[in-house]
Amino acid sequence: LDGQIAVVTGGSGLYGLLIARAMGE
């Protein structure tokens, strides 16, 4: 996903943080 912008709503919650981390990784 290099160069992409990913918005994660509820991104600090249980699944949200995991999804945000996955997108970043």
mmCIF file of all heavy atoms, coordinates in Angstrom:
data_MODEL
# 
_entry.id   MODEL 
# 
loop_
_atom_site.group_PDB 
_atom_site.id 
_atom_site.type_symbol 
_atom_site.label_atom_id 
_atom_site.label_alt_id 
_atom_site.label_comp_id 
_atom_site.label_asym_id 
_atom_site.label_entity_id 
_atom_site.label_seq_id 
_atom_site.pdbx_PDB_ins_code 
_atom_site.Cartn_x 
_atom_site.Cartn_y 
_atom_site.Cartn_z 
_atom_site.occupancy 
_atom_site.B_iso_or_equiv 
_atom_site.pdbx_formal_charge 
_atom_site.auth_seq_id 
_atom_site.auth_comp_id 
_atom_site.auth_asym_id 
_atom_site.auth_atom_id 
_atom_site.pdbx_PDB_model_num 
ATOM 1   N N   . LEU A 1 1  ? 0.826   -1.208  0.000  1.00 0.00 ? 1  LEU A N   1 
ATOM 2   C CA  . LEU A 1 1  ? 0.000   0.000   0.000  1.00 0.00 ? 1  LEU A CA  1 
ATOM 3   C C   . LEU A 1 1  ? 0.860   1.259   0.000  1.00 0.00 ? 1  LEU A C   1 
ATOM 4   O O   . LEU A 1 1  ? 0.424   2.313   0.459  1.00 0.00 ? 1  LEU A O   1 
ATOM 5   C CB  . LEU A 1 1  ? -0.922  0.004   1.229  1.00 0.00 ? 1  LEU A CB  1 
ATOM 6   C CG  . LEU A 1 1  ? -1.868  -1.184  1.382  1.00 0.00 ? 1  LEU A CG  1 
ATOM 7   C CD1 . LEU A 1 1  ? -2.646  -1.081  2.697  1.00 0.00 ? 1  LEU A CD1 1 
ATOM 8   C CD2 . LEU A 1 1  ? -2.827  -1.282  0.202  1.00 0.00 ? 1  LEU A CD2 1 
ATOM 9   N N   . ASP A 1 2  ? 2.059   1.158   -0.508 1.00 0.00 ? 2  ASP A N   1 
ATOM 10  C CA  . ASP A 1 2  ? 2.990   2.287   -0.483 1.00 0.00 ? 2  ASP A CA  1 
ATOM 11  C C   . ASP A 1 2  ? 2.387   3.520   -1.148 1.00 0.00 ? 2  ASP A C   1 
ATOM 12  O O   . ASP A 1 2  ? 1.856   3.450   -2.264 1.00 0.00 ? 2  ASP A O   1 
ATOM 13  C CB  . ASP A 1 2  ? 4.286   1.907   -1.193 1.00 0.00 ? 2  ASP A CB  1 
ATOM 14  C CG  . ASP A 1 2  ? 4.964   0.717   -0.529 1.00 0.00 ? 2  ASP A CG  1 
ATOM 15  O OD1 . ASP A 1 2  ? 5.474   0.865   0.582  1.00 0.00 ? 2  ASP A OD1 1 
ATOM 16  O OD2 . ASP A 1 2  ? 4.954   -0.370  -1.141 1.00 0.00 ? 2  ASP A OD2 1 
ATOM 17  N N   . GLY A 1 3  ? 2.479   4.643   -0.449 1.00 0.00 ? 3  GLY A N   1 
ATOM 18  C CA  . GLY A 1 3  ? 1.998   5.908   -0.988 1.00 0.00 ? 3  GLY A CA  1 
ATOM 19  C C   . GLY A 1 3  ? 0.507   6.137   -0.844 1.00 0.00 ? 3  GLY A C   1 
ATOM 20  O O   . GLY A 1 3  ? 0.008   7.207   -1.212 1.00 0.00 ? 3  GLY A O   1 
ATOM 21  N N   . GLN A 1 4  ? -0.208  5.174   -0.331 1.00 0.00 ? 4  GLN A N   1 
ATOM 22  C CA  . GLN A 1 4  ? -1.651  5.316   -0.196 1.00 0.00 ? 4  GLN A CA  1 
ATOM 23  C C   . GLN A 1 4  ? -2.029  6.002   1.116  1.00 0.00 ? 4  GLN A C   1 
ATOM 24  O O   . GLN A 1 4  ? -1.277  5.973   2.100  1.00 0.00 ? 4  GLN A O   1 
ATOM 25  C CB  . GLN A 1 4  ? -2.341  3.956   -0.287 1.00 0.00 ? 4  GLN A CB  1 
ATOM 26  C CG  . GLN A 1 4  ? -2.215  3.299   -1.644 1.00 0.00 ? 4  GLN A CG  1 
ATOM 27  C CD  . GLN A 1 4  ? -3.197  2.147   -1.817 1.00 0.00 ? 4  GLN A CD  1 
ATOM 28  O OE1 . GLN A 1 4  ? -4.220  2.074   -1.138 1.00 0.00 ? 4  GLN A OE1 1 
ATOM 29  N NE2 . GLN A 1 4  ? -2.891  1.249   -2.740 1.00 0.00 ? 4  GLN A NE2 1 
ATOM 30  N N   . ILE A 1 5  ? -3.218  6.602   1.115  1.00 0.00 ? 5  ILE A N   1 
ATOM 31  C CA  . ILE A 1 5  ? -3.780  7.223   2.314  1.00 0.00 ? 5  ILE A CA  1 
ATOM 32  C C   . ILE A 1 5  ? -4.959  6.365   2.766  1.00 0.00 ? 5  ILE A C   1 
ATOM 33  O O   . ILE A 1 5  ? -5.918  6.165   2.007  1.00 0.00 ? 5  ILE A O   1 
ATOM 34  C CB  . ILE A 1 5  ? -4.261  8.664   2.028  1.00 0.00 ? 5  ILE A CB  1 
ATOM 35  C CG1 . ILE A 1 5  ? -3.131  9.502   1.432  1.00 0.00 ? 5  ILE A CG1 1 
ATOM 36  C CG2 . ILE A 1 5  ? -4.809  9.293   3.299  1.00 0.00 ? 5  ILE A CG2 1 
ATOM 37  C CD1 . ILE A 1 5  ? -1.907  9.617   2.307  1.00 0.00 ? 5  ILE A CD1 1 
ATOM 38  N N   . ALA A 1 6  ? -4.876  5.854   3.972  1.00 0.00 ? 6  ALA A N   1 
ATOM 39  C CA  . ALA A 1 6  ? -5.914  4.979   4.512  1.00 0.00 ? 6  ALA A CA  1 
ATOM 40  C C   . ALA A 1 6  ? -6.529  5.626   5.757  1.00 0.00 ? 6  ALA A C   1 
ATOM 41  O O   . ALA A 1 6  ? -5.823  5.928   6.719  1.00 0.00 ? 6  ALA A O   1 
ATOM 42  C CB  . ALA A 1 6  ? -5.342  3.610   4.875  1.00 0.00 ? 6  ALA A CB  1 
ATOM 43  N N   . VAL A 1 7  ? -7.828  5.829   5.729  1.00 0.00 ? 7  VAL A N   1 
ATOM 44  C CA  . VAL A 1 7  ? -8.575  6.370   6.866  1.00 0.00 ? 7  VAL A CA  1 
ATOM 45  C C   . VAL A 1 7  ? -9.215  5.212   7.618  1.00 0.00 ? 7  VAL A C   1 
ATOM 46  O O   . VAL A 1 7  ? -9.910  4.383   7.015  1.00 0.00 ? 7  VAL A O   1 
ATOM 47  C CB  . VAL A 1 7  ? -9.655  7.354   6.400  1.00 0.00 ? 7  VAL A CB  1 
ATOM 48  C CG1 . VAL A 1 7  ? -10.576 7.740   7.555  1.00 0.00 ? 7  VAL A CG1 1 
ATOM 49  C CG2 . VAL A 1 7  ? -9.023  8.591   5.774  1.00 0.00 ? 7  VAL A CG2 1 
ATOM 50  N N   . VAL A 1 8  ? -8.990  5.158   8.922  1.00 0.00 ? 8  VAL A N   1 
ATOM 51  C CA  . VAL A 1 8  ? -9.604  4.127   9.761  1.00 0.00 ? 8  VAL A CA  1 
ATOM 52  C C   . VAL A 1 8  ? -10.422 4.816   10.846 1.00 0.00 ? 8  VAL A C   1 
ATOM 53  O O   . VAL A 1 8  ? -9.860  5.438   11.752 1.00 0.00 ? 8  VAL A O   1 
ATOM 54  C CB  . VAL A 1 8  ? -8.551  3.205   10.404 1.00 0.00 ? 8  VAL A CB  1 
ATOM 55  C CG1 . VAL A 1 8  ? -9.237  2.095   11.211 1.00 0.00 ? 8  VAL A CG1 1 
ATOM 56  C CG2 . VAL A 1 8  ? -7.636  2.604   9.337  1.00 0.00 ? 8  VAL A CG2 1 
ATOM 57  N N   . THR A 1 9  ? -11.743 4.740   10.748 1.00 0.00 ? 9  THR A N   1 
ATOM 58  C CA  . THR A 1 9  ? -12.572 5.311   11.802 1.00 0.00 ? 9  THR A CA  1 
ATOM 59  C C   . THR A 1 9  ? -12.588 4.353   12.991 1.00 0.00 ? 9  THR A C   1 
ATOM 60  O O   . THR A 1 9  ? -12.496 3.139   12.824 1.00 0.00 ? 9  THR A O   1 
ATOM 61  C CB  . THR A 1 9  ? -14.009 5.582   11.310 1.00 0.00 ? 9  THR A CB  1 
ATOM 62  O OG1 . THR A 1 9  ? -14.710 4.340   11.144 1.00 0.00 ? 9  THR A OG1 1 
ATOM 63  C CG2 . THR A 1 9  ? -14.005 6.362   10.007 1.00 0.00 ? 9  THR A CG2 1 
ATOM 64  N N   . GLY A 1 10 ? -12.678 4.926   14.176 1.00 0.00 ? 10 GLY A N   1 
ATOM 65  C CA  . GLY A 1 10 ? -12.546 4.085   15.368 1.00 0.00 ? 10 GLY A CA  1 
ATOM 66  C C   . GLY A 1 10 ? -11.180 3.428   15.412 1.00 0.00 ? 10 GLY A C   1 
ATOM 67  O O   . GLY A 1 10 ? -11.009 2.327   15.931 1.00 0.00 ? 10 GLY A O   1 
ATOM 68  N N   . GLY A 1 11 ? -10.191 4.127   14.883 1.00 0.00 ? 11 GLY A N   1 
ATOM 69  C CA  . GLY A 1 11 ? -8.868  3.549   14.698 1.00 0.00 ? 11 GLY A CA  1 
ATOM 70  C C   . GLY A 1 11 ? -8.058  3.361   15.955 1.00 0.00 ? 11 GLY A C   1 
ATOM 71  O O   . GLY A 1 11 ? -6.954  2.807   15.887 1.00 0.00 ? 11 GLY A O   1 
ATOM 72  N N   . SER A 1 12 ? -8.575  3.807   17.087 1.00 0.00 ? 12 SER A N   1 
ATOM 73  C CA  . SER A 1 12 ? -7.851  3.598   18.347 1.00 0.00 ? 12 SER A CA  1 
ATOM 74  C C   . SER A 1 12 ? -8.455  2.454   19.148 1.00 0.00 ? 12 SER A C   1 
ATOM 75  O O   . SER A 1 12 ? -7.974  2.125   20.230 1.00 0.00 ? 12 SER A O   1 
ATOM 76  C CB  . SER A 1 12 ? -7.871  4.879   19.193 1.00 0.00 ? 12 SER A CB  1 
ATOM 77  O OG  . SER A 1 12 ? -9.205  5.240   19.510 1.00 0.00 ? 12 SER A OG  1 
ATOM 78  N N   . GLY A 1 13 ? -9.511  1.818   18.623 1.00 0.00 ? 13 GLY A N   1 
ATOM 79  C CA  . GLY A 1 13 ? -10.188 0.750   19.343 1.00 0.00 ? 13 GLY A CA  1 
ATOM 80  C C   . GLY A 1 13 ? -9.550  -0.608  19.130 1.00 0.00 ? 13 GLY A C   1 
ATOM 81  O O   . GLY A 1 13 ? -8.470  -0.731  18.535 1.00 0.00 ? 13 GLY A O   1 
ATOM 82  N N   . LEU A 1 14 ? -10.248 -1.660  19.588 1.00 0.00 ? 14 LEU A N   1 
ATOM 83  C CA  . LEU A 1 14 ? -9.693  -3.006  19.548 1.00 0.00 ? 14 LEU A CA  1 
ATOM 84  C C   . LEU A 1 14 ? -9.301  -3.427  18.135 1.00 0.00 ? 14 LEU A C   1 
ATOM 85  O O   . LEU A 1 14 ? -8.124  -3.629  17.836 1.00 0.00 ? 14 LEU A O   1 
ATOM 86  C CB  . LEU A 1 14 ? -10.714 -4.003  20.130 1.00 0.00 ? 14 LEU A CB  1 
ATOM 87  C CG  . LEU A 1 14 ? -10.809 -4.081  21.651 1.00 0.00 ? 14 LEU A CG  1 
ATOM 88  C CD1 . LEU A 1 14 ? -11.966 -4.991  22.057 1.00 0.00 ? 14 LEU A CD1 1 
ATOM 89  C CD2 . LEU A 1 14 ? -9.510  -4.597  22.255 1.00 0.00 ? 14 LEU A CD2 1 
ATOM 90  N N   . TYR A 1 15 ? -10.277 -3.581  17.272 1.00 0.00 ? 15 TYR A N   1 
ATOM 91  C CA  . TYR A 1 15 ? -9.973  -3.950  15.893 1.00 0.00 ? 15 TYR A CA  1 
ATOM 92  C C   . TYR A 1 15 ? -9.385  -2.767  15.122 1.00 0.00 ? 15 TYR A C   1 
ATOM 93  O O   . TYR A 1 15 ? -8.563  -2.938  14.226 1.00 0.00 ? 15 TYR A O   1 
ATOM 94  C CB  . TYR A 1 15 ? -11.229 -4.460  15.184 1.00 0.00 ? 15 TYR A CB  1 
ATOM 95  C CG  . TYR A 1 15 ? -11.396 -5.964  15.222 1.00 0.00 ? 15 TYR A CG  1 
ATOM 96  C CD1 . TYR A 1 15 ? -12.624 -6.545  15.533 1.00 0.00 ? 15 TYR A CD1 1 
ATOM 97  C CD2 . TYR A 1 15 ? -10.335 -6.812  14.937 1.00 0.00 ? 15 TYR A CD2 1 
ATOM 98  C CE1 . TYR A 1 15 ? -12.788 -7.922  15.568 1.00 0.00 ? 15 TYR A CE1 1 
ATOM 99  C CE2 . TYR A 1 15 ? -10.479 -8.188  14.970 1.00 0.00 ? 15 TYR A CE2 1 
ATOM 100 C CZ  . TYR A 1 15 ? -11.708 -8.742  15.280 1.00 0.00 ? 15 TYR A CZ  1 
ATOM 101 O OH  . TYR A 1 15 ? -11.861 -10.106 15.306 1.00 0.00 ? 15 TYR A OH  1 
ATOM 102 N N   . GLY A 1 16 ? -9.804  -1.561  15.458 1.00 0.00 ? 16 GLY A N   1 
ATOM 103 C CA  . GLY A 1 16 ? -9.346  -0.381  14.732 1.00 0.00 ? 16 GLY A CA  1 
ATOM 104 C C   . GLY A 1 16 ? -7.847  -0.221  14.752 1.00 0.00 ? 16 GLY A C   1 
ATOM 105 O O   . GLY A 1 16 ? -7.217  0.050   13.713 1.00 0.00 ? 16 GLY A O   1 
ATOM 106 N N   . LEU A 1 17 ? -7.237  -0.366  15.909 1.00 0.00 ? 17 LEU A N   1 
ATOM 107 C CA  . LEU A 1 17 ? -5.788  -0.203  16.016 1.00 0.00 ? 17 LEU A CA  1 
ATOM 108 C C   . LEU A 1 17 ? -5.055  -1.290  15.245 1.00 0.00 ? 17 LEU A C   1 
ATOM 109 O O   . LEU A 1 17 ? -4.032  -1.028  14.602 1.00 0.00 ? 17 LEU A O   1 
ATOM 110 C CB  . LEU A 1 17 ? -5.354  -0.212  17.482 1.00 0.00 ? 17 LEU A CB  1 
ATOM 111 C CG  . LEU A 1 17 ? -3.863  0.012   17.741 1.00 0.00 ? 17 LEU A CG  1 
ATOM 112 C CD1 . LEU A 1 17 ? -3.396  1.350   17.170 1.00 0.00 ? 17 LEU A CD1 1 
ATOM 113 C CD2 . LEU A 1 17 ? -3.559  -0.055  19.233 1.00 0.00 ? 17 LEU A CD2 1 
ATOM 114 N N   . LEU A 1 18 ? -5.581  -2.515  15.274 1.00 0.00 ? 18 LEU A N   1 
ATOM 115 C CA  . LEU A 1 18 ? -4.953  -3.604  14.526 1.00 0.00 ? 18 LEU A CA  1 
ATOM 116 C C   . LEU A 1 18 ? -5.022  -3.343  13.023 1.00 0.00 ? 18 LEU A C   1 
ATOM 117 O O   . LEU A 1 18 ? -4.056  -3.582  12.292 1.00 0.00 ? 18 LEU A O   1 
ATOM 118 C CB  . LEU A 1 18 ? -5.650  -4.927  14.849 1.00 0.00 ? 18 LEU A CB  1 
ATOM 119 C CG  . LEU A 1 18 ? -5.593  -5.393  16.303 1.00 0.00 ? 18 LEU A CG  1 
ATOM 120 C CD1 . LEU A 1 18 ? -6.368  -6.693  16.463 1.00 0.00 ? 18 LEU A CD1 1 
ATOM 121 C CD2 . LEU A 1 18 ? -4.152  -5.563  16.771 1.00 0.00 ? 18 LEU A CD2 1 
ATOM 122 N N   . ILE A 1 19 ? -6.170  -2.840  12.557 1.00 0.00 ? 19 ILE A N   1 
ATOM 123 C CA  . ILE A 1 19 ? -6.325  -2.541  11.135 1.00 0.00 ? 19 ILE A CA  1 
ATOM 124 C C   . ILE A 1 19 ? -5.409  -1.384  10.733 1.00 0.00 ? 19 ILE A C   1 
ATOM 125 O O   . ILE A 1 19 ? -4.764  -1.414  9.677  1.00 0.00 ? 19 ILE A O   1 
ATOM 126 C CB  . ILE A 1 19 ? -7.793  -2.222  10.817 1.00 0.00 ? 19 ILE A CB  1 
ATOM 127 C CG1 . ILE A 1 19 ? -8.652  -3.479  11.007 1.00 0.00 ? 19 ILE A CG1 1 
ATOM 128 C CG2 . ILE A 1 19 ? -7.945  -1.672  9.406  1.00 0.00 ? 19 ILE A CG2 1 
ATOM 129 C CD1 . ILE A 1 19 ? -10.147 -3.218  10.988 1.00 0.00 ? 19 ILE A CD1 1 
ATOM 130 N N   . ALA A 1 20 ? -5.349  -0.364  11.584 1.00 0.00 ? 20 ALA A N   1 
ATOM 131 C CA  . ALA A 1 20 ? -4.466  0.769   11.304 1.00 0.00 ? 20 ALA A CA  1 
ATOM 132 C C   . ALA A 1 20 ? -3.016  0.307   11.229 1.00 0.00 ? 20 ALA A C   1 
ATOM 133 O O   . ALA A 1 20 ? -2.258  0.724   10.336 1.00 0.00 ? 20 ALA A O   1 
ATOM 134 C CB  . ALA A 1 20 ? -4.633  1.838   12.379 1.00 0.00 ? 20 ALA A CB  1 
ATOM 135 N N   . ARG A 1 21 ? -2.614  -0.542  12.145 1.00 0.00 ? 21 ARG A N   1 
ATOM 136 C CA  . ARG A 1 21 ? -1.243  -1.056  12.130 1.00 0.00 ? 21 ARG A CA  1 
ATOM 137 C C   . ARG A 1 21 ? -0.987  -1.855  10.848 1.00 0.00 ? 21 ARG A C   1 
ATOM 138 O O   . ARG A 1 21 ? 0.070   -1.737  10.222 1.00 0.00 ? 21 ARG A O   1 
ATOM 139 C CB  . ARG A 1 21 ? -0.987  -1.933  13.353 1.00 0.00 ? 21 ARG A CB  1 
ATOM 140 C CG  . ARG A 1 21 ? 0.404   -2.568  13.358 1.00 0.00 ? 21 ARG A CG  1 
ATOM 141 C CD  . ARG A 1 21 ? 0.684   -3.388  14.592 1.00 0.00 ? 21 ARG A CD  1 
ATOM 142 N NE  . ARG A 1 21 ? 0.921   -2.534  15.735 1.00 0.00 ? 21 ARG A NE  1 
ATOM 143 C CZ  . ARG A 1 21 ? 0.144   -2.504  16.823 1.00 0.00 ? 21 ARG A CZ  1 
ATOM 144 N NH1 . ARG A 1 21 ? -0.932  -3.262  16.901 1.00 0.00 ? 21 ARG A NH1 1 
ATOM 145 N NH2 . ARG A 1 21 ? 0.441   -1.703  17.828 1.00 0.00 ? 21 ARG A NH2 1 
ATOM 146 N N   . ALA A 1 22 ? -1.956  -2.666  10.447 1.00 0.00 ? 22 ALA A N   1 
ATOM 147 C CA  . ALA A 1 22 ? -1.798  -3.471  9.238  1.00 0.00 ? 22 ALA A CA  1 
ATOM 148 C C   . ALA A 1 22 ? -1.603  -2.592  8.017  1.00 0.00 ? 22 ALA A C   1 
ATOM 149 O O   . ALA A 1 22 ? -0.727  -2.848  7.177  1.00 0.00 ? 22 ALA A O   1 
ATOM 150 C CB  . ALA A 1 22 ? -3.017  -4.376  9.057  1.00 0.00 ? 22 ALA A CB  1 
ATOM 151 N N   . MET A 1 23 ? -2.415  -1.543  7.908  1.00 0.00 ? 23 MET A N   1 
ATOM 152 C CA  . MET A 1 23 ? -2.287  -0.628  6.770  1.00 0.00 ? 23 MET A CA  1 
ATOM 153 C C   . MET A 1 23 ? -0.910  0.040   6.773  1.00 0.00 ? 23 MET A C   1 
ATOM 154 O O   . MET A 1 23 ? -0.259  0.178   5.734  1.00 0.00 ? 23 MET A O   1 
ATOM 155 C CB  . MET A 1 23 ? -3.379  0.440   6.830  1.00 0.00 ? 23 MET A CB  1 
ATOM 156 C CG  . MET A 1 23 ? -4.795  -0.088  6.753  1.00 0.00 ? 23 MET A CG  1 
ATOM 157 S SD  . MET A 1 23 ? -5.189  -0.781  5.156  1.00 0.00 ? 23 MET A SD  1 
ATOM 158 C CE  . MET A 1 23 ? -6.822  -1.438  5.481  1.00 0.00 ? 23 MET A CE  1 
ATOM 159 N N   . GLY A 1 24 ? -0.468  0.459   7.955  1.00 0.00 ? 24 GLY A N   1 
ATOM 160 C CA  . GLY A 1 24 ? 0.840   1.095   8.067  1.00 0.00 ? 24 GLY A CA  1 
ATOM 161 C C   . GLY A 1 24 ? 1.973   0.144   7.729  1.00 0.00 ? 24 GLY A C   1 
ATOM 162 O O   . GLY A 1 24 ? 2.929   0.512   7.044  1.00 0.00 ? 24 GLY A O   1 
ATOM 163 N N   . GLU A 1 25 ? 1.874   -1.090  8.202  1.00 0.00 ? 25 GLU A N   1 
ATOM 164 C CA  . GLU A 1 25 ? 2.929   -2.067  7.922  1.00 0.00 ? 25 GLU A CA  1 
ATOM 165 C C   . GLU A 1 25 ? 3.001   -2.403  6.434  1.00 0.00 ? 25 GLU A C   1 
ATOM 166 O O   . GLU A 1 25 ? 4.060   -2.808  5.935  1.00 0.00 ? 25 GLU A O   1 
ATOM 167 C CB  . GLU A 1 25 ? 2.680   -3.326  8.744  1.00 0.00 ? 25 GLU A CB  1 
ATOM 168 C CG  . GLU A 1 25 ? 2.954   -3.130  10.229 1.00 0.00 ? 25 GLU A CG  1 
ATOM 169 C CD  . GLU A 1 25 ? 2.591   -4.337  11.072 1.00 0.00 ? 25 GLU A CD  1 
ATOM 170 O OE1 . GLU A 1 25 ? 1.892   -5.242  10.575 1.00 0.00 ? 25 GLU A OE1 1 
ATOM 171 O OE2 . GLU A 1 25 ? 3.006   -4.380  12.256 1.00 0.00 ? 25 GLU A OE2 1 
# 
